[in-house]
Amino acid sequence: MTTDRIAPPTVGGEREMLRAFLDYHRATLAMKCEGLSDDDLRRAAVPSSTLSLLGLVRHMAEVERTWFRIVMNAEDIALVWSDEGDYQVAYDASASTRSEAFAAWQAEVEHARRIEEAAESLDVTGHQPRWGEDVSLRLVMLHLIHEYARHNGHADLIREAIDGTVGV
């Protein structure tokens, strides 16, 4: 995953803005992980939690896979780390490596980009089975931006606890 983070435009069309903000947040998560060892990436946020930077990367691979491939592209596939659809499994990265987690995440981001680019408009819909409702690509992209922004806040705190790095 590239850590070249390009600021989203301040003016532009809706789709351009959504793409840019989503890519900005993807790059932010990658930046939070830069320069850390596998052990640092696996370090839990607090002793009672399995949440780690590597766990966040794994979780976001599941999120990208679910919303773009399963919901929007109607692919009949399991989650990356759980055949039972348990999203919590991804957070436990205790036996994972940077290369494994980032390869899965990058693969899912690339699938997501291809699916989004192939869609004729933001009004294209897919079916969200957990909700029992159809959802638009617009909602999916907004949801992913929200999900990344929330988890990037977690990543800020985890990274600061690891080596004092703040901001960015």
N, C-alpha and C. Protein backbone atom coordinates (compact mmCIF):
# COMPACT_ATOMS: atom_id res chain seq x y z
N MET A 1 0.86 -1.18 0.00
CA MET A 1 0.00 0.00 0.00
C MET A 1 0.89 1.22 0.00
N THR A 2 0.63 2.11 -0.90
CA THR A 2 1.42 3.32 -0.98
C THR A 2 1.09 4.24 0.19
N THR A 3 2.09 4.93 0.67
CA THR A 3 1.84 5.90 1.72
C THR A 3 1.93 7.32 1.18
N ASP A 4 1.93 7.45 -0.15
CA ASP A 4 1.84 8.78 -0.74
C ASP A 4 0.43 9.28 -0.50
N ARG A 5 0.32 10.23 0.41
CA ARG A 5 -1.01 10.73 0.76
C ARG A 5 -1.23 12.07 0.09
N ILE A 6 -2.20 12.10 -0.80
CA ILE A 6 -2.52 13.32 -1.55
C ILE A 6 -3.76 13.94 -0.92
N ALA A 7 -3.65 15.20 -0.59
CA ALA A 7 -4.79 15.90 0.00
C ALA A 7 -5.95 15.92 -0.99
N PRO A 8 -7.16 15.67 -0.50
CA PRO A 8 -8.32 15.73 -1.40
C PRO A 8 -8.51 17.15 -1.92
N PRO A 9 -9.11 17.27 -3.11
CA PRO A 9 -9.35 18.61 -3.66
C PRO A 9 -10.37 19.37 -2.82
N THR A 10 -10.30 20.68 -2.88
CA THR A 10 -11.28 21.50 -2.16
C THR A 10 -12.49 21.80 -3.02
N VAL A 11 -12.35 21.56 -4.31
CA VAL A 11 -13.45 21.76 -5.26
C VAL A 11 -13.41 20.60 -6.23
N GLY A 12 -14.58 20.06 -6.56
CA GLY A 12 -14.62 18.98 -7.53
C GLY A 12 -15.98 18.33 -7.55
N GLY A 13 -16.14 17.40 -8.46
CA GLY A 13 -17.39 16.67 -8.56
C GLY A 13 -17.52 15.68 -7.40
N GLU A 14 -18.75 15.23 -7.19
CA GLU A 14 -19.02 14.35 -6.06
C GLU A 14 -18.18 13.08 -6.09
N ARG A 15 -18.14 12.42 -7.20
CA ARG A 15 -17.42 11.15 -7.29
C ARG A 15 -15.92 11.36 -7.09
N GLU A 16 -15.39 12.41 -7.71
CA GLU A 16 -13.98 12.75 -7.55
C GLU A 16 -13.65 13.00 -6.08
N MET A 17 -14.51 13.72 -5.40
CA MET A 17 -14.29 14.04 -3.98
C MET A 17 -14.35 12.77 -3.13
N LEU A 18 -15.34 11.92 -3.38
CA LEU A 18 -15.46 10.69 -2.60
C LEU A 18 -14.23 9.80 -2.81
N ARG A 19 -13.80 9.64 -4.05
CA ARG A 19 -12.59 8.84 -4.34
C ARG A 19 -11.39 9.41 -3.61
N ALA A 20 -11.22 10.71 -3.70
CA ALA A 20 -10.05 11.36 -3.11
C ALA A 20 -10.04 11.23 -1.59
N PHE A 21 -11.19 11.44 -0.95
CA PHE A 21 -11.23 11.32 0.51
C PHE A 21 -11.02 9.88 0.95
N LEU A 22 -11.56 8.93 0.20
CA LEU A 22 -11.36 7.52 0.55
C LEU A 22 -9.88 7.15 0.40
N ASP A 23 -9.25 7.56 -0.69
CA ASP A 23 -7.83 7.27 -0.87
C ASP A 23 -6.97 7.99 0.18
N TYR A 24 -7.35 9.18 0.55
CA TYR A 24 -6.63 9.92 1.59
C TYR A 24 -6.65 9.13 2.91
N HIS A 25 -7.81 8.62 3.26
CA HIS A 25 -7.91 7.86 4.52
C HIS A 25 -7.21 6.51 4.43
N ARG A 26 -7.25 5.88 3.27
CA ARG A 26 -6.48 4.64 3.09
C ARG A 26 -5.00 4.91 3.32
N ALA A 27 -4.50 5.97 2.71
CA ALA A 27 -3.08 6.32 2.85
C ALA A 27 -2.73 6.71 4.28
N THR A 28 -3.67 7.32 4.97
CA THR A 28 -3.42 7.69 6.37
C THR A 28 -3.19 6.45 7.22
N LEU A 29 -4.00 5.42 7.04
CA LEU A 29 -3.81 4.19 7.82
C LEU A 29 -2.44 3.59 7.51
N ALA A 30 -2.05 3.57 6.25
CA ALA A 30 -0.74 3.04 5.89
C ALA A 30 0.37 3.85 6.54
N MET A 31 0.23 5.18 6.56
CA MET A 31 1.24 6.04 7.17
C MET A 31 1.39 5.76 8.66
N LYS A 32 0.29 5.47 9.33
CA LYS A 32 0.34 5.19 10.77
C LYS A 32 1.15 3.94 11.06
N CYS A 33 1.30 3.08 10.08
CA CYS A 33 2.02 1.82 10.26
C CYS A 33 3.47 1.87 9.78
N GLU A 34 3.85 2.95 9.12
CA GLU A 34 5.19 3.07 8.54
C GLU A 34 6.28 2.99 9.59
N GLY A 35 7.34 2.27 9.24
CA GLY A 35 8.53 2.25 10.07
C GLY A 35 8.45 1.40 11.32
N LEU A 36 7.39 0.63 11.48
CA LEU A 36 7.23 -0.21 12.67
C LEU A 36 7.52 -1.67 12.35
N SER A 37 8.01 -2.38 13.32
CA SER A 37 8.26 -3.81 13.17
C SER A 37 6.94 -4.57 13.27
N ASP A 38 6.96 -5.83 12.90
CA ASP A 38 5.76 -6.67 13.04
C ASP A 38 5.32 -6.71 14.50
N ASP A 39 6.28 -6.81 15.43
CA ASP A 39 5.92 -6.82 16.85
C ASP A 39 5.22 -5.53 17.26
N ASP A 40 5.74 -4.38 16.80
CA ASP A 40 5.09 -3.11 17.11
C ASP A 40 3.68 -3.06 16.52
N LEU A 41 3.55 -3.52 15.28
CA LEU A 41 2.24 -3.50 14.62
C LEU A 41 1.24 -4.41 15.31
N ARG A 42 1.71 -5.45 15.97
CA ARG A 42 0.82 -6.37 16.69
C ARG A 42 0.52 -5.91 18.12
N ARG A 43 1.20 -4.88 18.59
CA ARG A 43 1.03 -4.43 19.97
C ARG A 43 -0.40 -3.94 20.21
N ALA A 44 -1.03 -4.51 21.22
CA ALA A 44 -2.41 -4.18 21.55
C ALA A 44 -2.51 -2.76 22.09
N ALA A 45 -3.63 -2.12 21.78
CA ALA A 45 -3.88 -0.76 22.24
C ALA A 45 -3.87 -0.69 23.77
N VAL A 46 -4.51 -1.64 24.39
CA VAL A 46 -4.54 -1.78 25.85
C VAL A 46 -4.50 -3.27 26.16
N PRO A 47 -4.04 -3.65 27.35
CA PRO A 47 -3.90 -5.08 27.66
C PRO A 47 -5.18 -5.90 27.49
N SER A 48 -6.32 -5.32 27.70
CA SER A 48 -7.57 -6.08 27.63
C SER A 48 -8.13 -6.19 26.21
N SER A 49 -7.40 -5.70 25.21
CA SER A 49 -7.91 -5.64 23.85
C SER A 49 -6.99 -6.38 22.88
N THR A 50 -7.57 -6.84 21.77
CA THR A 50 -6.76 -7.38 20.68
C THR A 50 -6.53 -6.32 19.60
N LEU A 51 -7.08 -5.12 19.77
CA LEU A 51 -6.96 -4.06 18.78
C LEU A 51 -5.51 -3.60 18.66
N SER A 52 -4.99 -3.65 17.45
CA SER A 52 -3.63 -3.22 17.15
C SER A 52 -3.64 -2.57 15.77
N LEU A 53 -2.52 -1.97 15.40
CA LEU A 53 -2.43 -1.39 14.06
C LEU A 53 -2.60 -2.47 13.00
N LEU A 54 -1.96 -3.61 13.20
CA LEU A 54 -2.09 -4.70 12.24
C LEU A 54 -3.52 -5.23 12.21
N GLY A 55 -4.16 -5.26 13.37
CA GLY A 55 -5.56 -5.66 13.43
C GLY A 55 -6.46 -4.71 12.67
N LEU A 56 -6.14 -3.41 12.74
CA LEU A 56 -6.92 -2.42 11.97
C LEU A 56 -6.75 -2.63 10.48
N VAL A 57 -5.54 -2.92 10.04
CA VAL A 57 -5.29 -3.17 8.62
C VAL A 57 -6.09 -4.40 8.19
N ARG A 58 -6.05 -5.45 8.98
CA ARG A 58 -6.80 -6.67 8.66
C ARG A 58 -8.31 -6.38 8.63
N HIS A 59 -8.78 -5.62 9.61
CA HIS A 59 -10.20 -5.27 9.67
C HIS A 59 -10.62 -4.48 8.43
N MET A 60 -9.80 -3.53 8.02
CA MET A 60 -10.16 -2.73 6.86
C MET A 60 -10.12 -3.55 5.57
N ALA A 61 -9.30 -4.59 5.52
CA ALA A 61 -9.36 -5.51 4.38
C ALA A 61 -10.73 -6.17 4.33
N GLU A 62 -11.24 -6.57 5.49
CA GLU A 62 -12.57 -7.20 5.57
C GLU A 62 -13.65 -6.21 5.17
N VAL A 63 -13.52 -4.98 5.63
CA VAL A 63 -14.51 -3.94 5.32
C VAL A 63 -14.54 -3.66 3.82
N GLU A 64 -13.38 -3.47 3.22
CA GLU A 64 -13.31 -3.23 1.77
C GLU A 64 -13.94 -4.42 1.02
N ARG A 65 -13.57 -5.63 1.42
CA ARG A 65 -14.07 -6.85 0.77
C ARG A 65 -15.59 -6.94 0.87
N THR A 66 -16.09 -6.69 2.07
CA THR A 66 -17.54 -6.80 2.29
C THR A 66 -18.32 -5.80 1.46
N TRP A 67 -17.95 -4.52 1.59
CA TRP A 67 -18.77 -3.49 0.97
C TRP A 67 -18.64 -3.44 -0.54
N PHE A 68 -17.47 -3.68 -1.06
CA PHE A 68 -17.31 -3.60 -2.51
C PHE A 68 -17.56 -4.93 -3.21
N ARG A 69 -16.95 -5.99 -2.73
CA ARG A 69 -17.07 -7.27 -3.45
C ARG A 69 -18.37 -8.00 -3.12
N ILE A 70 -18.71 -8.08 -1.85
CA ILE A 70 -19.90 -8.85 -1.46
C ILE A 70 -21.18 -8.03 -1.70
N VAL A 71 -21.18 -6.80 -1.21
CA VAL A 71 -22.40 -5.97 -1.33
C VAL A 71 -22.57 -5.42 -2.75
N MET A 72 -21.58 -4.71 -3.25
CA MET A 72 -21.76 -4.05 -4.55
C MET A 72 -21.59 -4.98 -5.74
N ASN A 73 -20.69 -5.97 -5.63
CA ASN A 73 -20.41 -6.83 -6.78
C ASN A 73 -21.09 -8.19 -6.68
N ALA A 74 -21.82 -8.40 -5.60
CA ALA A 74 -22.59 -9.64 -5.38
C ALA A 74 -21.74 -10.91 -5.49
N GLU A 75 -20.48 -10.83 -5.03
CA GLU A 75 -19.62 -12.00 -5.04
C GLU A 75 -19.96 -12.90 -3.85
N ASP A 76 -20.03 -14.17 -4.09
CA ASP A 76 -20.33 -15.14 -3.04
C ASP A 76 -19.01 -15.65 -2.46
N ILE A 77 -18.42 -14.84 -1.58
CA ILE A 77 -17.13 -15.17 -0.99
C ILE A 77 -17.20 -14.97 0.52
N ALA A 78 -16.32 -15.66 1.22
CA ALA A 78 -16.22 -15.51 2.67
C ALA A 78 -15.34 -14.31 3.00
N LEU A 79 -15.30 -13.96 4.25
CA LEU A 79 -14.36 -12.94 4.70
C LEU A 79 -12.94 -13.50 4.56
N VAL A 80 -11.97 -12.65 4.65
CA VAL A 80 -10.57 -13.07 4.51
C VAL A 80 -10.16 -13.97 5.67
N TRP A 81 -10.50 -13.59 6.89
CA TRP A 81 -10.03 -14.30 8.07
C TRP A 81 -11.11 -15.09 8.81
N SER A 82 -12.34 -15.07 8.34
CA SER A 82 -13.39 -15.81 9.03
C SER A 82 -14.40 -16.37 8.04
N ASP A 83 -14.51 -17.69 8.01
CA ASP A 83 -15.53 -18.33 7.18
C ASP A 83 -16.92 -18.14 7.75
N GLU A 84 -17.00 -17.79 9.04
CA GLU A 84 -18.30 -17.62 9.71
C GLU A 84 -18.81 -16.18 9.67
N GLY A 85 -18.09 -15.29 9.02
CA GLY A 85 -18.53 -13.89 8.95
C GLY A 85 -18.30 -13.12 10.23
N ASP A 86 -17.35 -13.54 11.05
CA ASP A 86 -17.06 -12.87 12.32
C ASP A 86 -15.98 -11.82 12.09
N TYR A 87 -16.40 -10.56 12.07
CA TYR A 87 -15.47 -9.46 11.79
C TYR A 87 -14.44 -9.27 12.90
N GLN A 88 -14.74 -9.72 14.11
CA GLN A 88 -13.82 -9.56 15.23
C GLN A 88 -12.54 -10.37 15.05
N VAL A 89 -12.60 -11.46 14.28
CA VAL A 89 -11.43 -12.31 14.07
C VAL A 89 -10.28 -11.50 13.48
N ALA A 90 -10.58 -10.57 12.61
CA ALA A 90 -9.54 -9.77 11.96
C ALA A 90 -8.74 -8.94 12.94
N TYR A 91 -9.36 -8.51 14.03
CA TYR A 91 -8.65 -7.68 15.00
C TYR A 91 -7.52 -8.44 15.69
N ASP A 92 -7.65 -9.75 15.82
CA ASP A 92 -6.61 -10.53 16.50
C ASP A 92 -5.50 -10.83 15.50
N ALA A 93 -4.50 -9.98 15.51
CA ALA A 93 -3.38 -10.11 14.58
C ALA A 93 -2.16 -10.70 15.28
N SER A 94 -2.37 -11.39 16.39
CA SER A 94 -1.24 -11.88 17.20
C SER A 94 -0.32 -12.83 16.43
N ALA A 95 -0.83 -13.52 15.43
CA ALA A 95 0.00 -14.43 14.65
C ALA A 95 0.20 -13.93 13.22
N SER A 96 -0.19 -12.70 12.95
CA SER A 96 -0.11 -12.15 11.60
C SER A 96 1.20 -11.40 11.39
N THR A 97 1.48 -11.13 10.13
CA THR A 97 2.66 -10.34 9.77
C THR A 97 2.24 -9.15 8.93
N ARG A 98 3.12 -8.17 8.88
CA ARG A 98 2.88 -7.00 8.03
C ARG A 98 2.62 -7.44 6.59
N SER A 99 3.47 -8.33 6.07
CA SER A 99 3.34 -8.71 4.67
C SER A 99 2.00 -9.40 4.40
N GLU A 100 1.56 -10.26 5.29
CA GLU A 100 0.27 -10.95 5.12
C GLU A 100 -0.89 -9.96 5.16
N ALA A 101 -0.92 -9.13 6.20
CA ALA A 101 -2.04 -8.20 6.38
C ALA A 101 -2.10 -7.15 5.28
N PHE A 102 -0.94 -6.57 4.96
CA PHE A 102 -0.93 -5.53 3.93
C PHE A 102 -1.21 -6.09 2.55
N ALA A 103 -0.77 -7.31 2.26
CA ALA A 103 -1.08 -7.92 0.96
C ALA A 103 -2.58 -8.12 0.82
N ALA A 104 -3.23 -8.60 1.87
CA ALA A 104 -4.68 -8.80 1.82
C ALA A 104 -5.40 -7.46 1.68
N TRP A 105 -4.99 -6.49 2.46
CA TRP A 105 -5.63 -5.17 2.42
C TRP A 105 -5.45 -4.54 1.05
N GLN A 106 -4.22 -4.56 0.53
CA GLN A 106 -3.98 -3.95 -0.78
C GLN A 106 -4.78 -4.64 -1.87
N ALA A 107 -4.88 -5.96 -1.80
CA ALA A 107 -5.66 -6.70 -2.80
C ALA A 107 -7.13 -6.26 -2.75
N GLU A 108 -7.66 -6.11 -1.56
CA GLU A 108 -9.07 -5.70 -1.43
C GLU A 108 -9.28 -4.26 -1.88
N VAL A 109 -8.33 -3.39 -1.60
CA VAL A 109 -8.44 -2.00 -2.06
C VAL A 109 -8.43 -1.96 -3.59
N GLU A 110 -7.57 -2.75 -4.21
CA GLU A 110 -7.53 -2.79 -5.68
C GLU A 110 -8.84 -3.31 -6.26
N HIS A 111 -9.39 -4.35 -5.66
CA HIS A 111 -10.72 -4.84 -6.10
C HIS A 111 -11.75 -3.72 -5.96
N ALA A 112 -11.73 -3.05 -4.82
CA ALA A 112 -12.70 -1.98 -4.56
C ALA A 112 -12.59 -0.88 -5.62
N ARG A 113 -11.38 -0.49 -5.92
CA ARG A 113 -11.18 0.57 -6.93
C ARG A 113 -11.73 0.15 -8.29
N ARG A 114 -11.46 -1.09 -8.68
CA ARG A 114 -11.96 -1.57 -9.98
C ARG A 114 -13.50 -1.59 -10.00
N ILE A 115 -14.10 -2.04 -8.92
CA ILE A 115 -15.56 -2.10 -8.85
C ILE A 115 -16.15 -0.70 -8.90
N GLU A 116 -15.58 0.22 -8.14
CA GLU A 116 -16.08 1.59 -8.12
C GLU A 116 -15.92 2.24 -9.48
N GLU A 117 -14.77 2.07 -10.11
CA GLU A 117 -14.52 2.70 -11.41
C GLU A 117 -15.41 2.14 -12.51
N ALA A 118 -15.78 0.86 -12.40
CA ALA A 118 -16.63 0.24 -13.41
C ALA A 118 -18.10 0.63 -13.27
N ALA A 119 -18.49 1.09 -12.10
CA ALA A 119 -19.89 1.47 -11.88
C ALA A 119 -20.23 2.71 -12.69
N GLU A 120 -21.38 2.68 -13.33
CA GLU A 120 -21.73 3.81 -14.20
C GLU A 120 -22.09 5.07 -13.43
N SER A 121 -22.52 4.92 -12.18
CA SER A 121 -22.83 6.11 -11.38
C SER A 121 -22.81 5.75 -9.89
N LEU A 122 -22.88 6.77 -9.08
CA LEU A 122 -22.96 6.56 -7.63
C LEU A 122 -24.32 6.02 -7.20
N ASP A 123 -25.28 6.02 -8.12
CA ASP A 123 -26.62 5.53 -7.82
C ASP A 123 -26.76 4.03 -8.04
N VAL A 124 -25.73 3.38 -8.56
CA VAL A 124 -25.75 1.92 -8.72
C VAL A 124 -25.94 1.31 -7.34
N THR A 125 -26.74 0.25 -7.26
CA THR A 125 -27.00 -0.35 -5.95
C THR A 125 -26.51 -1.78 -5.87
N GLY A 126 -26.25 -2.17 -4.64
CA GLY A 126 -25.94 -3.54 -4.28
C GLY A 126 -26.80 -3.90 -3.09
N HIS A 127 -26.73 -5.15 -2.69
CA HIS A 127 -27.57 -5.58 -1.56
C HIS A 127 -26.72 -5.85 -0.33
N GLN A 128 -27.07 -5.20 0.77
CA GLN A 128 -26.39 -5.42 2.04
C GLN A 128 -27.18 -6.48 2.82
N PRO A 129 -26.71 -7.74 2.81
CA PRO A 129 -27.49 -8.82 3.43
C PRO A 129 -27.69 -8.65 4.93
N ARG A 130 -26.75 -8.06 5.62
CA ARG A 130 -26.92 -7.87 7.08
C ARG A 130 -28.06 -6.92 7.38
N TRP A 131 -28.29 -5.96 6.51
CA TRP A 131 -29.37 -5.00 6.70
C TRP A 131 -30.65 -5.43 6.01
N GLY A 132 -30.51 -6.34 5.05
CA GLY A 132 -31.67 -6.74 4.26
C GLY A 132 -32.15 -5.63 3.34
N GLU A 133 -31.24 -4.75 2.92
CA GLU A 133 -31.61 -3.60 2.11
C GLU A 133 -30.62 -3.40 0.97
N ASP A 134 -31.11 -2.75 -0.08
CA ASP A 134 -30.23 -2.31 -1.14
C ASP A 134 -29.57 -1.00 -0.72
N VAL A 135 -28.33 -0.80 -1.15
CA VAL A 135 -27.58 0.41 -0.81
C VAL A 135 -26.91 0.92 -2.08
N SER A 136 -26.71 2.22 -2.15
CA SER A 136 -26.06 2.82 -3.32
C SER A 136 -24.54 2.80 -3.15
N LEU A 137 -23.85 2.91 -4.26
CA LEU A 137 -22.41 3.05 -4.23
C LEU A 137 -22.04 4.30 -3.45
N ARG A 138 -22.83 5.34 -3.55
CA ARG A 138 -22.60 6.58 -2.80
C ARG A 138 -22.55 6.28 -1.30
N LEU A 139 -23.54 5.53 -0.80
CA LEU A 139 -23.56 5.18 0.61
C LEU A 139 -22.33 4.35 0.98
N VAL A 140 -21.96 3.41 0.13
CA VAL A 140 -20.81 2.56 0.40
C VAL A 140 -19.54 3.40 0.54
N MET A 141 -19.34 4.32 -0.38
CA MET A 141 -18.14 5.15 -0.32
C MET A 141 -18.15 6.05 0.90
N LEU A 142 -19.30 6.62 1.22
CA LEU A 142 -19.40 7.44 2.44
C LEU A 142 -19.16 6.59 3.69
N HIS A 143 -19.71 5.39 3.70
CA HIS A 143 -19.51 4.50 4.84
C HIS A 143 -18.03 4.15 5.02
N LEU A 144 -17.35 3.87 3.92
CA LEU A 144 -15.92 3.54 4.00
C LEU A 144 -15.11 4.73 4.50
N ILE A 145 -15.43 5.92 4.05
CA ILE A 145 -14.73 7.12 4.53
C ILE A 145 -14.94 7.24 6.04
N HIS A 146 -16.16 7.06 6.49
CA HIS A 146 -16.47 7.12 7.92
C HIS A 146 -15.70 6.05 8.68
N GLU A 147 -15.69 4.83 8.17
CA GLU A 147 -15.03 3.71 8.83
C GLU A 147 -13.52 3.97 8.94
N TYR A 148 -12.91 4.42 7.86
CA TYR A 148 -11.48 4.73 7.91
C TYR A 148 -11.19 5.88 8.88
N ALA A 149 -11.99 6.93 8.82
CA ALA A 149 -11.75 8.09 9.69
C ALA A 149 -11.81 7.67 11.16
N ARG A 150 -12.80 6.87 11.50
CA ARG A 150 -12.95 6.40 12.88
C ARG A 150 -11.75 5.56 13.30
N HIS A 151 -11.37 4.62 12.45
CA HIS A 151 -10.26 3.74 12.80
C HIS A 151 -8.91 4.44 12.71
N ASN A 152 -8.80 5.46 11.88
CA ASN A 152 -7.56 6.24 11.87
C ASN A 152 -7.38 6.99 13.18
N GLY A 153 -8.47 7.36 13.83
CA GLY A 153 -8.37 7.93 15.17
C GLY A 153 -7.80 6.91 16.15
N HIS A 154 -8.28 5.67 16.05
CA HIS A 154 -7.70 4.61 16.88
C HIS A 154 -6.22 4.45 16.57
N ALA A 155 -5.89 4.45 15.28
CA ALA A 155 -4.50 4.27 14.86
C ALA A 155 -3.61 5.39 15.41
N ASP A 156 -4.12 6.62 15.47
CA ASP A 156 -3.35 7.73 16.05
C ASP A 156 -2.94 7.40 17.48
N LEU A 157 -3.89 6.95 18.26
CA LEU A 157 -3.62 6.67 19.67
C LEU A 157 -2.69 5.47 19.85
N ILE A 158 -2.89 4.44 19.05
CA ILE A 158 -2.03 3.25 19.15
C ILE A 158 -0.61 3.62 18.77
N ARG A 159 -0.44 4.35 17.68
CA ARG A 159 0.90 4.73 17.23
C ARG A 159 1.60 5.60 18.28
N GLU A 160 0.88 6.52 18.86
CA GLU A 160 1.48 7.37 19.90
C GLU A 160 1.95 6.53 21.09
N ALA A 161 1.17 5.52 21.45
CA ALA A 161 1.56 4.65 22.57
C ALA A 161 2.79 3.80 22.24
N ILE A 162 2.99 3.49 20.97
CA ILE A 162 4.13 2.67 20.56
C ILE A 162 5.43 3.44 20.59
N ASP A 163 5.44 4.60 19.92
CA ASP A 163 6.72 5.31 19.82
C ASP A 163 6.62 6.84 19.95
N GLY A 164 5.46 7.33 20.35
CA GLY A 164 5.31 8.76 20.56
C GLY A 164 4.98 9.58 19.32
N THR A 165 4.91 8.92 18.16
CA THR A 165 4.59 9.62 16.92
C THR A 165 3.14 10.10 16.97
N VAL A 166 2.95 11.39 16.72
CA VAL A 166 1.60 11.97 16.73
C VAL A 166 1.35 12.73 15.45
N GLY A 167 0.08 13.00 15.20
CA GLY A 167 -0.29 13.82 14.05
C GLY A 167 -0.25 13.09 12.75
N VAL A 168 -0.14 13.84 11.71
CA VAL A 168 -0.06 13.40 10.32
C VAL A 168 -1.42 13.08 9.79
